Amino acid sequence: MNRNTNANAASPTWEQLTTLEPRLADVLQDVLATRRLRGRKKKVRLEDEWPEFKDRLSRLIGFERSDNGEPILKSVVAYNVAHSTLFDALYK
């Protein structure tokens, strides 16, 4: 199976992705809320929370996206930008 990875395409910004898929902003807000909770309660383990966010991300961006919409939303570059943004927000 040949999947176009858009390796030569310019990486979209987080802002561009959230314009095309507004639900990404909701995921980021939930990530930030989890991180704030972790600051108050030491029992929240971020590594236990990440799989849920990654699953939500995968349904919105990348190969697992269910609707066709904008082609960039099914690309590896878009997934990588979104993944990095959410991961960094949770762990940094």
N, C-alpha and C. Protein backbone atom coordinates (compact mmCIF):
# COMPACT_ATOMS: atom_id res chain seq x y z
N MET A 1 0.85 -1.17 0.00
CA MET A 1 0.00 0.00 0.00
C MET A 1 0.90 1.24 0.00
N ASN A 2 0.64 2.14 -0.89
CA ASN A 2 1.43 3.36 -1.00
C ASN A 2 0.64 4.53 -0.41
N ARG A 3 1.12 5.03 0.69
CA ARG A 3 0.46 6.17 1.33
C ARG A 3 1.30 7.40 1.09
N ASN A 4 0.66 8.45 0.63
CA ASN A 4 1.37 9.71 0.39
C ASN A 4 1.64 10.36 1.74
N THR A 5 2.91 10.52 2.06
CA THR A 5 3.27 11.11 3.34
C THR A 5 3.43 12.62 3.25
N ASN A 6 3.29 13.16 2.05
CA ASN A 6 3.47 14.60 1.86
C ASN A 6 4.82 15.07 2.38
N ALA A 7 5.85 14.25 2.18
CA ALA A 7 7.16 14.57 2.70
C ALA A 7 7.69 15.90 2.17
N ASN A 8 7.28 16.28 0.98
CA ASN A 8 7.76 17.54 0.41
C ASN A 8 6.86 18.72 0.74
N ALA A 9 5.75 18.45 1.39
CA ALA A 9 4.82 19.52 1.72
C ALA A 9 5.34 20.31 2.91
N ALA A 10 5.06 21.61 2.91
CA ALA A 10 5.42 22.43 4.05
C ALA A 10 4.54 22.00 5.23
N SER A 11 5.14 21.97 6.40
CA SER A 11 4.38 21.59 7.58
C SER A 11 3.36 22.66 7.91
N PRO A 12 2.12 22.26 8.17
CA PRO A 12 1.12 23.24 8.59
C PRO A 12 1.41 23.67 10.03
N THR A 13 0.91 24.81 10.40
CA THR A 13 1.05 25.27 11.77
C THR A 13 -0.09 24.71 12.61
N TRP A 14 0.06 24.76 13.91
CA TRP A 14 -1.02 24.35 14.81
C TRP A 14 -2.26 25.19 14.54
N GLU A 15 -2.07 26.47 14.34
CA GLU A 15 -3.20 27.37 14.08
C GLU A 15 -3.94 26.98 12.80
N GLN A 16 -3.20 26.63 11.77
CA GLN A 16 -3.84 26.19 10.53
C GLN A 16 -4.62 24.90 10.75
N LEU A 17 -4.05 23.99 11.50
CA LEU A 17 -4.74 22.72 11.77
C LEU A 17 -6.02 22.93 12.58
N THR A 18 -5.97 23.82 13.57
CA THR A 18 -7.17 24.04 14.38
C THR A 18 -8.24 24.81 13.61
N THR A 19 -7.83 25.55 12.61
CA THR A 19 -8.82 26.20 11.74
C THR A 19 -9.55 25.14 10.92
N LEU A 20 -8.80 24.17 10.42
CA LEU A 20 -9.39 23.09 9.61
C LEU A 20 -10.11 22.04 10.46
N GLU A 21 -9.63 21.83 11.67
CA GLU A 21 -10.23 20.84 12.58
C GLU A 21 -10.31 21.44 13.97
N PRO A 22 -11.37 22.20 14.25
CA PRO A 22 -11.49 22.91 15.53
C PRO A 22 -11.48 22.01 16.77
N ARG A 23 -11.83 20.75 16.63
CA ARG A 23 -11.83 19.85 17.79
C ARG A 23 -10.43 19.63 18.35
N LEU A 24 -9.40 19.91 17.56
CA LEU A 24 -8.03 19.82 18.07
C LEU A 24 -7.81 20.78 19.22
N ALA A 25 -8.41 21.96 19.14
CA ALA A 25 -8.28 22.93 20.22
C ALA A 25 -8.87 22.40 21.52
N ASP A 26 -9.95 21.62 21.42
CA ASP A 26 -10.56 21.01 22.60
C ASP A 26 -9.60 20.00 23.24
N VAL A 27 -8.92 19.24 22.40
CA VAL A 27 -7.96 18.27 22.93
C VAL A 27 -6.84 19.00 23.66
N LEU A 28 -6.34 20.08 23.07
CA LEU A 28 -5.28 20.85 23.72
C LEU A 28 -5.76 21.40 25.06
N GLN A 29 -6.96 21.91 25.13
CA GLN A 29 -7.48 22.42 26.39
C GLN A 29 -7.56 21.32 27.45
N ASP A 30 -7.93 20.13 27.05
CA ASP A 30 -7.99 19.00 27.98
C ASP A 30 -6.59 18.58 28.43
N VAL A 31 -5.63 18.63 27.52
CA VAL A 31 -4.23 18.33 27.86
C VAL A 31 -3.74 19.34 28.91
N LEU A 32 -4.00 20.60 28.67
CA LEU A 32 -3.55 21.63 29.60
C LEU A 32 -4.23 21.50 30.96
N ALA A 33 -5.50 21.14 30.96
CA ALA A 33 -6.22 20.94 32.22
C ALA A 33 -5.62 19.76 33.00
N THR A 34 -5.27 18.71 32.29
CA THR A 34 -4.64 17.55 32.93
C THR A 34 -3.29 17.93 33.52
N ARG A 35 -2.55 18.72 32.79
CA ARG A 35 -1.24 19.15 33.28
C ARG A 35 -1.39 20.01 34.53
N ARG A 36 -2.39 20.91 34.54
CA ARG A 36 -2.62 21.74 35.73
C ARG A 36 -3.03 20.87 36.92
N LEU A 37 -3.86 19.87 36.66
CA LEU A 37 -4.28 18.95 37.72
C LEU A 37 -3.08 18.20 38.27
N ARG A 38 -2.18 17.81 37.41
CA ARG A 38 -0.97 17.11 37.83
C ARG A 38 -0.16 17.99 38.77
N GLY A 39 -0.18 19.29 38.56
CA GLY A 39 0.54 20.19 39.44
C GLY A 39 -0.04 20.24 40.84
N ARG A 40 -1.33 19.96 40.96
CA ARG A 40 -2.00 20.00 42.26
C ARG A 40 -2.07 18.65 42.94
N LYS A 41 -2.19 17.59 42.15
CA LYS A 41 -2.35 16.25 42.71
C LYS A 41 -1.26 15.34 42.15
N LYS A 42 -0.42 14.89 43.00
CA LYS A 42 0.71 14.06 42.56
C LYS A 42 0.29 12.68 42.07
N LYS A 43 -0.97 12.28 42.32
CA LYS A 43 -1.41 10.95 41.90
C LYS A 43 -1.76 10.88 40.42
N VAL A 44 -1.88 12.01 39.75
CA VAL A 44 -2.16 12.01 38.31
C VAL A 44 -0.84 11.74 37.59
N ARG A 45 -0.79 10.62 36.88
CA ARG A 45 0.42 10.26 36.15
C ARG A 45 0.21 10.62 34.68
N LEU A 46 1.02 11.53 34.19
CA LEU A 46 0.86 11.99 32.82
C LEU A 46 0.98 10.86 31.81
N GLU A 47 1.85 9.91 32.06
CA GLU A 47 2.01 8.80 31.12
C GLU A 47 0.76 7.92 31.06
N ASP A 48 -0.06 7.97 32.10
CA ASP A 48 -1.33 7.25 32.06
C ASP A 48 -2.38 8.02 31.26
N GLU A 49 -2.23 9.30 31.16
CA GLU A 49 -3.19 10.15 30.46
C GLU A 49 -2.92 10.25 28.96
N TRP A 50 -1.66 10.16 28.56
CA TRP A 50 -1.29 10.38 27.16
C TRP A 50 -2.04 9.47 26.17
N PRO A 51 -2.22 8.17 26.43
CA PRO A 51 -2.90 7.32 25.44
C PRO A 51 -4.29 7.83 25.05
N GLU A 52 -5.04 8.37 26.00
CA GLU A 52 -6.36 8.91 25.66
C GLU A 52 -6.24 10.08 24.69
N PHE A 53 -5.31 10.97 24.95
CA PHE A 53 -5.14 12.13 24.07
C PHE A 53 -4.65 11.70 22.70
N LYS A 54 -3.77 10.72 22.67
CA LYS A 54 -3.25 10.22 21.39
C LYS A 54 -4.37 9.58 20.58
N ASP A 55 -5.26 8.83 21.24
CA ASP A 55 -6.40 8.23 20.54
C ASP A 55 -7.31 9.31 19.96
N ARG A 56 -7.59 10.34 20.75
CA ARG A 56 -8.44 11.42 20.26
C ARG A 56 -7.78 12.12 19.07
N LEU A 57 -6.47 12.35 19.17
CA LEU A 57 -5.73 12.96 18.07
C LEU A 57 -5.83 12.12 16.82
N SER A 58 -5.65 10.83 16.95
CA SER A 58 -5.65 9.93 15.79
C SER A 58 -6.99 9.91 15.06
N ARG A 59 -8.07 10.15 15.78
CA ARG A 59 -9.38 10.21 15.14
C ARG A 59 -9.58 11.51 14.36
N LEU A 60 -8.80 12.54 14.71
CA LEU A 60 -8.96 13.85 14.09
C LEU A 60 -7.95 14.14 12.98
N ILE A 61 -6.75 13.60 13.12
CA ILE A 61 -5.64 13.90 12.20
C ILE A 61 -4.92 12.61 11.86
N GLY A 62 -4.53 12.47 10.61
CA GLY A 62 -3.73 11.32 10.21
C GLY A 62 -4.54 10.26 9.47
N PHE A 63 -3.93 9.11 9.29
CA PHE A 63 -4.52 8.04 8.48
C PHE A 63 -5.83 7.52 9.05
N GLU A 64 -6.01 7.60 10.36
CA GLU A 64 -7.22 7.06 10.98
C GLU A 64 -8.39 8.04 10.93
N ARG A 65 -8.17 9.24 10.46
CA ARG A 65 -9.26 10.23 10.37
C ARG A 65 -10.39 9.63 9.53
N SER A 66 -11.61 9.73 10.05
CA SER A 66 -12.72 9.05 9.38
C SER A 66 -13.32 9.83 8.22
N ASP A 67 -13.39 11.15 8.30
CA ASP A 67 -13.97 11.86 7.16
C ASP A 67 -12.86 12.40 6.28
N ASN A 68 -13.19 12.62 5.05
CA ASN A 68 -12.17 13.04 4.10
C ASN A 68 -11.74 14.48 4.31
N GLY A 69 -12.67 15.41 4.36
CA GLY A 69 -12.32 16.80 4.61
C GLY A 69 -11.12 17.26 3.82
N GLU A 70 -10.32 18.07 4.45
CA GLU A 70 -9.10 18.59 3.82
C GLU A 70 -8.04 17.49 3.77
N PRO A 71 -7.43 17.27 2.62
CA PRO A 71 -6.42 16.21 2.49
C PRO A 71 -5.25 16.36 3.48
N ILE A 72 -4.87 17.58 3.79
CA ILE A 72 -3.74 17.78 4.71
C ILE A 72 -4.01 17.15 6.07
N LEU A 73 -5.28 17.04 6.46
CA LEU A 73 -5.61 16.48 7.77
C LEU A 73 -5.34 14.98 7.85
N LYS A 74 -5.17 14.33 6.71
CA LYS A 74 -4.84 12.90 6.70
C LYS A 74 -3.34 12.65 6.51
N SER A 75 -2.57 13.71 6.53
CA SER A 75 -1.14 13.57 6.22
C SER A 75 -0.29 13.31 7.46
N VAL A 76 0.86 12.73 7.21
CA VAL A 76 1.83 12.48 8.27
C VAL A 76 2.35 13.79 8.84
N VAL A 77 2.60 14.76 7.98
CA VAL A 77 3.14 16.03 8.48
C VAL A 77 2.15 16.72 9.42
N ALA A 78 0.87 16.69 9.10
CA ALA A 78 -0.13 17.29 9.98
C ALA A 78 -0.19 16.52 11.31
N TYR A 79 -0.16 15.21 11.23
CA TYR A 79 -0.18 14.40 12.45
C TYR A 79 1.02 14.73 13.33
N ASN A 80 2.18 14.83 12.72
CA ASN A 80 3.40 15.11 13.48
C ASN A 80 3.33 16.47 14.17
N VAL A 81 2.82 17.47 13.48
CA VAL A 81 2.69 18.81 14.08
C VAL A 81 1.73 18.75 15.26
N ALA A 82 0.59 18.12 15.08
CA ALA A 82 -0.40 18.04 16.15
C ALA A 82 0.11 17.20 17.32
N HIS A 83 0.71 16.08 17.01
CA HIS A 83 1.26 15.21 18.06
C HIS A 83 2.30 15.96 18.88
N SER A 84 3.23 16.61 18.23
CA SER A 84 4.27 17.36 18.94
C SER A 84 3.70 18.46 19.82
N THR A 85 2.71 19.17 19.29
CA THR A 85 2.10 20.25 20.06
C THR A 85 1.43 19.73 21.31
N LEU A 86 0.66 18.67 21.18
CA LEU A 86 -0.04 18.11 22.35
C LEU A 86 0.93 17.47 23.33
N PHE A 87 1.88 16.72 22.83
CA PHE A 87 2.86 16.06 23.69
C PHE A 87 3.65 17.08 24.47
N ASP A 88 4.13 18.10 23.79
CA ASP A 88 4.90 19.16 24.45
C ASP A 88 4.06 19.89 25.49
N ALA A 89 2.79 20.11 25.20
CA ALA A 89 1.92 20.79 26.15
C ALA A 89 1.72 19.95 27.42
N LEU A 90 1.72 18.64 27.26
CA LEU A 90 1.52 17.77 28.42
C LEU A 90 2.79 17.62 29.24
N TYR A 91 3.93 17.50 28.59
CA TYR A 91 5.16 17.13 29.30
C TYR A 91 6.14 18.27 29.56
N LYS A 92 5.96 19.41 28.96
CA LYS A 92 6.92 20.51 29.19
C LYS A 92 6.38 21.54 30.12
